[in-house]
Amino acid sequence: MAQNRWFRAGVWIADYCWAGAAQLATPFAGRPPRRWLHGDDGLPEVIVVPGVYERWSFLRGVGERMHRAGHRVRVLHGLGINRAPIGDTGEKLTRALARMPRPAAGRIVVGHSKGGLIGKYLLIREADGNAGDLGLLGVVAIAAPFAGTRRARLLRGDPGVREFLPDAPIILTLGEASTVNGRIVSIFGPYDPHIPDGSELPGATNILVPRSGHFRVLGARETADAVLQGLVLLRESASA
């Protein structure tokens, strides 16, 4: 038990060191590389959605790997630090994607944490016929709290975090819409201090990577490998 406590404490420290460095680098990140907008027309376009209090640069490493694999990688602007409610942000992204030409090979959302929940929201809206044809093949989510997280009680006074409570209306609504889970790939590590009950999603493709943490997992080579695997799985599933 003591060893387990020390392990978890170590994960917390390492995780916040990684997140702190990423936040400090944010003012110097600039805009996403323009070359990310060029890629193989035969591969799905990727829409990158960061988590709460995050900018696109948190997903820079993953974005680079996807671009090197041939995907166009698009970051939609106007989200700020992603504090708006999931539904509001989902509607904003729906409108933004509807204004863009639909890629022939479709689109896949790759989101971290809250970004994964927003991706599922988009899938639900499109499946219900309320968002038009956005061309979404699916979602690759990294460390997403699909069932909410009890850790949100520590900051329940913050509206940007309160909607992650397990009994929050948006979490319950997303959880009830299980028919789209087959179009989601959920990636997570052995222990996530922000989501202690895990990110496994019934009916989805769940991939465990050997890097604990909520933020630090973004920097792991195995996570980028899993994201690429998820993109292939969703593309093949859509064409089957």
C-alpha atoms as a PDB file:
ATOM      1  CA  MET A   1       0.000   0.000   0.000  1.00  0.00           C
ATOM      2  CA  ALA A   2       2.803   2.421   0.892  1.00  0.00           C
ATOM      3  CA  GLN A   3       4.559   1.625  -2.381  1.00  0.00           C
ATOM      4  CA  ASN A   4       1.303   2.264  -4.220  1.00  0.00           C
ATOM      5  CA  ARG A   5       0.920   5.665  -2.501  1.00  0.00           C
ATOM      6  CA  TRP A   6       4.487   6.597  -3.378  1.00  0.00           C
ATOM      7  CA  PHE A   7       3.936   5.511  -6.989  1.00  0.00           C
ATOM      8  CA  ARG A   8       0.814   7.643  -7.290  1.00  0.00           C
ATOM      9  CA  ALA A   9       2.511  10.607  -5.674  1.00  0.00           C
ATOM     10  CA  GLY A  10       5.347  10.251  -8.156  1.00  0.00           C
ATOM     11  CA  VAL A  11       2.888  10.199 -11.044  1.00  0.00           C
ATOM     12  CA  TRP A  12       1.224  13.387  -9.736  1.00  0.00           C
ATOM     13  CA  ILE A  13       4.567  15.185  -9.509  1.00  0.00           C
ATOM     14  CA  ALA A  14       5.798  14.049 -12.920  1.00  0.00           C
ATOM     15  CA  ASP A  15       2.443  14.855 -14.475  1.00  0.00           C
ATOM     16  CA  TYR A  16       2.342  18.413 -13.177  1.00  0.00           C
ATOM     17  CA  CYS A  17       5.972  18.988 -14.131  1.00  0.00           C
ATOM     18  CA  TRP A  18       5.081  18.013 -17.707  1.00  0.00           C
ATOM     19  CA  ALA A  19       1.910  20.144 -17.700  1.00  0.00           C
ATOM     20  CA  GLY A  20       3.735  23.080 -16.122  1.00  0.00           C
ATOM     21  CA  ALA A  21       6.429  22.997 -18.780  1.00  0.00           C
ATOM     22  CA  ALA A  22       3.770  22.798 -21.490  1.00  0.00           C
ATOM     23  CA  GLN A  23       1.901  25.781 -20.045  1.00  0.00           C
ATOM     24  CA  LEU A  24       5.085  27.843 -19.745  1.00  0.00           C
ATOM     25  CA  ALA A  25       5.846  27.117 -23.390  1.00  0.00           C
ATOM     26  CA  THR A  26       2.353  28.107 -24.546  1.00  0.00           C
ATOM     27  CA  PRO A  27       3.061  31.864 -25.051  1.00  0.00           C
ATOM     28  CA  PHE A  28       5.943  30.947 -27.360  1.00  0.00           C
ATOM     29  CA  ALA A  29       4.092  28.262 -29.320  1.00  0.00           C
ATOM     30  CA  GLY A  30       2.725  30.617 -31.964  1.00  0.00           C
ATOM     31  CA  ARG A  31       0.254  29.244 -34.470  1.00  0.00           C
ATOM     32  CA  PRO A  32       0.146  25.622 -35.630  1.00  0.00           C
ATOM     33  CA  PRO A  33       2.577  24.912 -38.480  1.00  0.00           C
ATOM     34  CA  ARG A  34       1.035  25.760 -41.869  1.00  0.00           C
ATOM     35  CA  ARG A  35       2.534  22.577 -43.291  1.00  0.00           C
ATOM     36  CA  TRP A  36       0.084  20.625 -41.151  1.00  0.00           C
ATOM     37  CA  LEU A  37      -2.642  21.735 -43.592  1.00  0.00           C
ATOM     38  CA  HIS A  38      -1.027  19.736 -46.391  1.00  0.00           C
ATOM     39  CA  GLY A  39      -1.377  15.994 -46.600  1.00  0.00           C
ATOM     40  CA  ASP A  40      -2.542  12.929 -48.493  1.00  0.00           C
ATOM     41  CA  ASP A  41      -6.056  13.426 -49.884  1.00  0.00           C
ATOM     42  CA  GLY A  42      -6.619   9.705 -49.462  1.00  0.00           C
ATOM     43  CA  LEU A  43      -6.268   9.946 -45.678  1.00  0.00           C
ATOM     44  CA  PRO A  44      -8.811  11.474 -43.271  1.00  0.00           C
ATOM     45  CA  GLU A  45      -8.248  15.017 -42.124  1.00  0.00           C
ATOM     46  CA  VAL A  46      -7.570  15.254 -38.394  1.00  0.00           C
ATOM     47  CA  ILE A  47      -9.257  17.844 -36.177  1.00  0.00           C
ATOM     48  CA  VAL A  48      -7.212  18.452 -33.020  1.00  0.00           C
ATOM     49  CA  VAL A  49      -9.126  19.461 -29.872  1.00  0.00           C
ATOM     50  CA  PRO A  50      -7.132  20.093 -26.665  1.00  0.00           C
ATOM     51  CA  GLY A  51      -8.426  19.723 -23.121  1.00  0.00           C
ATOM     52  CA  VAL A  52      -9.644  22.301 -20.620  1.00  0.00           C
ATOM     53  CA  TYR A  53      -7.127  25.086 -19.888  1.00  0.00           C
ATOM     54  CA  GLU A  54      -5.007  23.845 -22.780  1.00  0.00           C
ATOM     55  CA  ARG A  55      -3.883  25.255 -26.109  1.00  0.00           C
ATOM     56  CA  TRP A  56      -3.141  23.307 -29.276  1.00  0.00           C
ATOM     57  CA  SER A  57       0.542  23.059 -28.362  1.00  0.00           C
ATOM     58  CA  PHE A  58      -0.203  20.395 -25.726  1.00  0.00           C
ATOM     59  CA  LEU A  59      -0.832  18.104 -28.704  1.00  0.00           C
ATOM     60  CA  ARG A  60       2.111  19.305 -30.787  1.00  0.00           C
ATOM     61  CA  GLY A  61       4.008  16.015 -30.572  1.00  0.00           C
ATOM     62  CA  VAL A  62       0.973  13.931 -31.490  1.00  0.00           C
ATOM     63  CA  GLY A  63       0.132  16.368 -34.288  1.00  0.00           C
ATOM     64  CA  GLU A  64       3.624  16.057 -35.739  1.00  0.00           C
ATOM     65  CA  ARG A  65       3.385  12.269 -35.807  1.00  0.00           C
ATOM     66  CA  MET A  66       0.011  12.385 -37.560  1.00  0.00           C
ATOM     67  CA  HIS A  67       1.295  14.862 -40.111  1.00  0.00           C
ATOM     68  CA  ARG A  68       4.392  12.767 -40.809  1.00  0.00           C
ATOM     69  CA  ALA A  69       2.059   9.825 -41.389  1.00  0.00           C
ATOM     70  CA  GLY A  70       0.432  11.828 -44.200  1.00  0.00           C
ATOM     71  CA  HIS A  71      -2.629  13.351 -42.517  1.00  0.00           C
ATOM     72  CA  ARG A  72      -3.709  16.951 -42.797  1.00  0.00           C
ATOM     73  CA  VAL A  73      -3.916  18.212 -39.223  1.00  0.00           C
ATOM     74  CA  ARG A  74      -6.232  21.113 -38.514  1.00  0.00           C
ATOM     75  CA  VAL A  75      -6.522  23.184 -35.345  1.00  0.00           C
ATOM     76  CA  LEU A  76      -9.726  25.227 -35.132  1.00  0.00           C
ATOM     77  CA  HIS A  77      -9.194  28.633 -33.563  1.00  0.00           C
ATOM     78  CA  GLY A  78     -11.446  30.573 -31.240  1.00  0.00           C
ATOM     79  CA  LEU A  79     -11.597  28.032 -28.388  1.00  0.00           C
ATOM     80  CA  GLY A  80      -9.335  30.042 -26.089  1.00  0.00           C
ATOM     81  CA  ILE A  81      -8.282  27.761 -23.245  1.00  0.00           C
ATOM     82  CA  ASN A  82     -11.367  25.591 -23.808  1.00  0.00           C
ATOM     83  CA  ARG A  83     -13.274  26.636 -20.672  1.00  0.00           C
ATOM     84  CA  ALA A  84     -16.685  26.971 -22.337  1.00  0.00           C
ATOM     85  CA  PRO A  85     -19.248  24.203 -21.700  1.00  0.00           C
ATOM     86  CA  ILE A  86     -18.838  21.061 -23.784  1.00  0.00           C
ATOM     87  CA  GLY A  87     -22.144  21.632 -25.570  1.00  0.00           C
ATOM     88  CA  ASP A  88     -21.300  25.234 -26.463  1.00  0.00           C
ATOM     89  CA  THR A  89     -17.894  24.287 -27.799  1.00  0.00           C
ATOM     90  CA  GLY A  90     -19.383  21.349 -29.677  1.00  0.00           C
ATOM     91  CA  GLU A  91     -21.857  23.646 -31.402  1.00  0.00           C
ATOM     92  CA  LYS A  92     -19.101  26.119 -32.274  1.00  0.00           C
ATOM     93  CA  LEU A  93     -17.020  23.352 -33.844  1.00  0.00           C
ATOM     94  CA  THR A  94     -20.067  21.999 -35.672  1.00  0.00           C
ATOM     95  CA  ARG A  95     -20.630  25.370 -37.315  1.00  0.00           C
ATOM     96  CA  ALA A  96     -16.937  25.759 -38.131  1.00  0.00           C
ATOM     97  CA  LEU A  97     -16.690  22.322 -39.749  1.00  0.00           C
ATOM     98  CA  ALA A  98     -19.933  22.845 -41.679  1.00  0.00           C
ATOM     99  CA  ARG A  99     -18.435  25.954 -43.291  1.00  0.00           C
ATOM    100  CA  MET A 100     -15.379  24.053 -44.531  1.00  0.00           C
ATOM    101  CA  PRO A 101     -15.242  21.826 -47.618  1.00  0.00           C
ATOM    102  CA  ARG A 102     -15.875  18.242 -46.581  1.00  0.00           C
ATOM    103  CA  PRO A 103     -12.711  16.175 -47.184  1.00  0.00           C
ATOM    104  CA  ALA A 104     -13.257  13.247 -49.552  1.00  0.00           C
ATOM    105  CA  ALA A 105     -11.618  10.870 -47.064  1.00  0.00           C
ATOM    106  CA  GLY A 106     -13.585  12.239 -44.098  1.00  0.00           C
ATOM    107  CA  ARG A 107     -12.486  13.613 -40.755  1.00  0.00           C
ATOM    108  CA  ILE A 108     -11.376  12.199 -37.429  1.00  0.00           C
ATOM    109  CA  VAL A 109     -11.311  14.172 -34.177  1.00  0.00           C
ATOM    110  CA  VAL A 110      -8.249  13.635 -31.988  1.00  0.00           C
ATOM    111  CA  GLY A 111      -8.853  15.124 -28.554  1.00  0.00           C
ATOM    112  CA  HIS A 112      -7.205  15.171 -25.169  1.00  0.00           C
ATOM    113  CA  SER A 113      -9.370  14.889 -22.044  1.00  0.00           C
ATOM    114  CA  LYS A 114     -12.277  17.315 -22.553  1.00  0.00           C
ATOM    115  CA  GLY A 115     -11.389  17.323 -26.242  1.00  0.00           C
ATOM    116  CA  GLY A 116     -12.376  13.659 -26.413  1.00  0.00           C
ATOM    117  CA  LEU A 117     -15.768  14.436 -24.859  1.00  0.00           C
ATOM    118  CA  ILE A 118     -16.311  17.237 -27.366  1.00  0.00           C
ATOM    119  CA  GLY A 119     -15.475  14.787 -30.128  1.00  0.00           C
ATOM    120  CA  LYS A 120     -18.128  12.371 -28.873  1.00  0.00           C
ATOM    121  CA  TYR A 121     -20.616  15.252 -28.701  1.00  0.00           C
ATOM    122  CA  LEU A 122     -19.955  15.953 -32.391  1.00  0.00           C
ATOM    123  CA  LEU A 123     -20.473  12.287 -33.284  1.00  0.00           C
ATOM    124  CA  ILE A 124     -23.813  12.266 -31.466  1.00  0.00           C
ATOM    125  CA  ARG A 125     -24.992  15.468 -33.129  1.00  0.00           C
ATOM    126  CA  GLU A 126     -24.112  14.177 -36.583  1.00  0.00           C
ATOM    127  CA  ALA A 127     -25.653  10.746 -35.920  1.00  0.00           C
ATOM    128  CA  ASP A 128     -28.895  12.408 -34.771  1.00  0.00           C
ATOM    129  CA  GLY A 129     -29.021  14.407 -37.985  1.00  0.00           C
ATOM    130  CA  ASN A 130     -28.677  17.698 -36.127  1.00  0.00           C
ATOM    131  CA  ALA A 131     -25.297  18.733 -37.516  1.00  0.00           C
ATOM    132  CA  GLY A 132     -25.533  17.951 -41.210  1.00  0.00           C
ATOM    133  CA  ASP A 133     -22.883  15.805 -42.849  1.00  0.00           C
ATOM    134  CA  LEU A 134     -19.588  16.703 -41.206  1.00  0.00           C
ATOM    135  CA  GLY A 135     -17.850  13.636 -42.600  1.00  0.00           C
ATOM    136  CA  LEU A 136     -16.821  12.364 -39.179  1.00  0.00           C
ATOM    137  CA  LEU A 137     -15.406   8.850 -39.192  1.00  0.00           C
ATOM    138  CA  GLY A 138     -14.817   8.772 -35.465  1.00  0.00           C
ATOM    139  CA  VAL A 139     -12.861  10.056 -32.493  1.00  0.00           C
ATOM    140  CA  VAL A 140      -9.481   9.188 -31.019  1.00  0.00           C
ATOM    141  CA  ALA A 141      -9.584  10.302 -27.384  1.00  0.00           C
ATOM    142  CA  ILE A 142      -6.563  10.502 -25.080  1.00  0.00           C
ATOM    143  CA  ALA A 143      -7.240  10.393 -21.310  1.00  0.00           C
ATOM    144  CA  ALA A 144     -10.879  11.395 -21.682  1.00  0.00           C
ATOM    145  CA  PRO A 145     -13.225  11.232 -18.638  1.00  0.00           C
ATOM    146  CA  PHE A 146     -16.120   9.533 -20.430  1.00  0.00           C
ATOM    147  CA  ALA A 147     -17.771   8.612 -17.114  1.00  0.00           C
ATOM    148  CA  GLY A 148     -16.731  11.863 -15.473  1.00  0.00           C
ATOM    149  CA  THR A 149     -14.265  12.042 -12.622  1.00  0.00           C
ATOM    150  CA  ARG A 150     -14.707  12.337  -8.873  1.00  0.00           C
ATOM    151  CA  ARG A 151     -11.611  14.536  -8.778  1.00  0.00           C
ATOM    152  CA  ALA A 152     -13.770  17.332 -10.201  1.00  0.00           C
ATOM    153  CA  ARG A 153     -15.272  17.693  -6.710  1.00  0.00           C
ATOM    154  CA  LEU A 154     -11.998  19.280  -5.624  1.00  0.00           C
ATOM    155  CA  LEU A 155     -12.682  22.214  -7.971  1.00  0.00           C
ATOM    156  CA  ARG A 156     -16.451  22.070  -8.245  1.00  0.00           C
ATOM    157  CA  GLY A 157     -16.587  25.861  -7.874  1.00  0.00           C
ATOM    158  CA  ASP A 158     -14.901  26.174 -11.267  1.00  0.00           C
ATOM    159  CA  PRO A 159     -17.533  25.890 -14.047  1.00  0.00           C
ATOM    160  CA  GLY A 160     -14.819  24.729 -16.447  1.00  0.00           C
ATOM    161  CA  VAL A 161     -14.261  21.665 -14.256  1.00  0.00           C
ATOM    162  CA  ARG A 162     -17.671  21.155 -12.632  1.00  0.00           C
ATOM    163  CA  GLU A 163     -19.160  19.571 -15.761  1.00  0.00           C
ATOM    164  CA  PHE A 164     -16.746  16.640 -15.343  1.00  0.00           C
ATOM    165  CA  LEU A 165     -18.556  15.448 -12.211  1.00  0.00           C
ATOM    166  CA  PRO A 166     -19.897  11.899 -12.726  1.00  0.00           C
ATOM    167  CA  ASP A 167     -23.478  13.112 -12.186  1.00  0.00           C
ATOM    168  CA  ALA A 168     -23.158  16.255 -14.326  1.00  0.00           C
ATOM    169  CA  PRO A 169     -25.934  16.476 -16.961  1.00  0.00           C
ATOM    170  CA  ILE A 170     -23.539  16.526 -19.925  1.00  0.00           C
ATOM    171  CA  ILE A 171     -21.641  13.463 -18.651  1.00  0.00           C
ATOM    172  CA  LEU A 172     -24.897  11.568 -18.196  1.00  0.00           C
ATOM    173  CA  THR A 173     -26.127  12.617 -21.640  1.00  0.00           C
ATOM    174  CA  LEU A 174     -22.907  11.558 -23.332  1.00  0.00           C
ATOM    175  CA  GLY A 175     -22.920   8.283 -21.424  1.00  0.00           C
ATOM    176  CA  GLU A 176     -26.451   7.416 -22.522  1.00  0.00           C
ATOM    177  CA  ALA A 177     -25.508   7.833 -26.187  1.00  0.00           C
ATOM    178  CA  SER A 178     -23.619   4.550 -26.406  1.00  0.00           C
ATOM    179  CA  THR A 179     -24.471   3.801 -30.037  1.00  0.00           C
ATOM    180  CA  VAL A 180     -21.524   5.916 -31.242  1.00  0.00           C
ATOM    181  CA  ASN A 181     -19.004   4.247 -28.918  1.00  0.00           C
ATOM    182  CA  GLY A 182     -17.956   1.839 -31.657  1.00  0.00           C
ATOM    183  CA  ARG A 183     -16.541   4.816 -33.541  1.00  0.00           C
ATOM    184  CA  ILE A 184     -14.320   5.889 -30.647  1.00  0.00           C
ATOM    185  CA  VAL A 185     -10.778   4.825 -29.796  1.00  0.00           C
ATOM    186  CA  SER A 186      -9.950   5.595 -26.156  1.00  0.00           C
ATOM    187  CA  ILE A 187      -6.268   5.754 -25.199  1.00  0.00           C
ATOM    188  CA  PHE A 188      -5.087   5.906 -21.593  1.00  0.00           C
ATOM    189  CA  GLY A 189      -2.287   4.905 -19.234  1.00  0.00           C
ATOM    190  CA  PRO A 190      -2.245   2.571 -16.200  1.00  0.00           C
ATOM    191  CA  TYR A 191      -2.972   5.390 -13.749  1.00  0.00           C
ATOM    192  CA  ASP A 192      -4.419   8.836 -14.375  1.00  0.00           C
ATOM    193  CA  PRO A 193      -4.445  11.044 -11.264  1.00  0.00           C
ATOM    194  CA  HIS A 194      -7.192  13.220 -12.736  1.00  0.00           C
ATOM    195  CA  ILE A 195      -9.370  10.274 -13.752  1.00  0.00           C
ATOM    196  CA  PRO A 196      -8.666   7.639 -11.069  1.00  0.00           C
ATOM    197  CA  ASP A 197     -11.485   5.394 -12.315  1.00  0.00           C
ATOM    198  CA  GLY A 198     -10.001   5.289 -15.783  1.00  0.00           C
ATOM    199  CA  SER A 199     -11.010   6.186 -19.345  1.00  0.00           C
ATOM    200  CA  GLU A 200     -12.160   2.783 -20.549  1.00  0.00           C
ATOM    201  CA  LEU A 201     -15.326   3.174 -22.631  1.00  0.00           C
ATOM    202  CA  PRO A 202     -17.682   0.197 -23.172  1.00  0.00           C
ATOM    203  CA  GLY A 203     -18.123  -0.594 -26.852  1.00  0.00           C
ATOM    204  CA  ALA A 204     -15.119   1.484 -27.902  1.00  0.00           C
ATOM    205  CA  THR A 205     -11.645   0.324 -28.897  1.00  0.00           C
ATOM    206  CA  ASN A 206      -9.685   0.795 -25.672  1.00  0.00           C
ATOM    207  CA  ILE A 207      -5.881   0.998 -25.867  1.00  0.00           C
ATOM    208  CA  LEU A 208      -3.700   0.942 -22.755  1.00  0.00           C
ATOM    209  CA  VAL A 209      -0.288   2.581 -23.147  1.00  0.00           C
ATOM    210  CA  PRO A 210       2.589   2.134 -20.659  1.00  0.00           C
ATOM    211  CA  ARG A 211       2.741   5.746 -19.446  1.00  0.00           C
ATOM    212  CA  SER A 212       0.797   6.901 -16.407  1.00  0.00           C
ATOM    213  CA  GLY A 213      -0.449  10.446 -16.055  1.00  0.00           C
ATOM    214  CA  HIS A 214      -3.123  12.719 -17.461  1.00  0.00           C
ATOM    215  CA  PHE A 215      -0.793  15.135 -19.253  1.00  0.00           C
ATOM    216  CA  ARG A 216       2.500  13.276 -19.434  1.00  0.00           C
ATOM    217  CA  VAL A 217       0.840  10.548 -21.483  1.00  0.00           C
ATOM    218  CA  LEU A 218       0.697  13.066 -24.344  1.00  0.00           C
ATOM    219  CA  GLY A 219       4.477  13.031 -24.588  1.00  0.00           C
ATOM    220  CA  ALA A 220       4.886   9.268 -24.809  1.00  0.00           C
ATOM    221  CA  ARG A 221       5.944   7.684 -28.090  1.00  0.00           C
ATOM    222  CA  GLU A 222       3.564   4.818 -27.360  1.00  0.00           C
ATOM    223  CA  THR A 223       0.656   7.277 -27.198  1.00  0.00           C
ATOM    224  CA  ALA A 224       1.462   8.675 -30.647  1.00  0.00           C
ATOM    225  CA  ASP A 225       1.753   5.090 -31.926  1.00  0.00           C
ATOM    226  CA  ALA A 226      -1.669   4.299 -30.464  1.00  0.00           C
ATOM    227  CA  VAL A 227      -3.180   7.426 -32.036  1.00  0.00           C
ATOM    228  CA  LEU A 228      -1.909   6.351 -35.470  1.00  0.00           C
ATOM    229  CA  GLN A 229      -3.297   2.869 -34.832  1.00  0.00           C
ATOM    230  CA  GLY A 230      -6.645   4.432 -33.941  1.00  0.00           C
ATOM    231  CA  LEU A 231      -6.708   6.493 -37.134  1.00  0.00           C
ATOM    232  CA  VAL A 232      -6.131   3.354 -39.197  1.00  0.00           C
ATOM    233  CA  LEU A 233      -8.816   1.400 -37.331  1.00  0.00           C
ATOM    234  CA  LEU A 234     -11.422   4.137 -37.796  1.00  0.00           C
ATOM    235  CA  ARG A 235     -10.588   4.565 -41.478  1.00  0.00           C
ATOM    236  CA  GLU A 236     -10.794   0.839 -42.127  1.00  0.00           C
ATOM    237  CA  SER A 237     -14.015   0.516 -40.160  1.00  0.00           C
ATOM    238  CA  ALA A 238     -15.630   3.334 -42.134  1.00  0.00           C
ATOM    239  CA  SER A 239     -14.683   1.753 -45.455  1.00  0.00           C
ATOM    240  CA  ALA A 240     -15.742  -1.790 -44.499  1.00  0.00           C
END
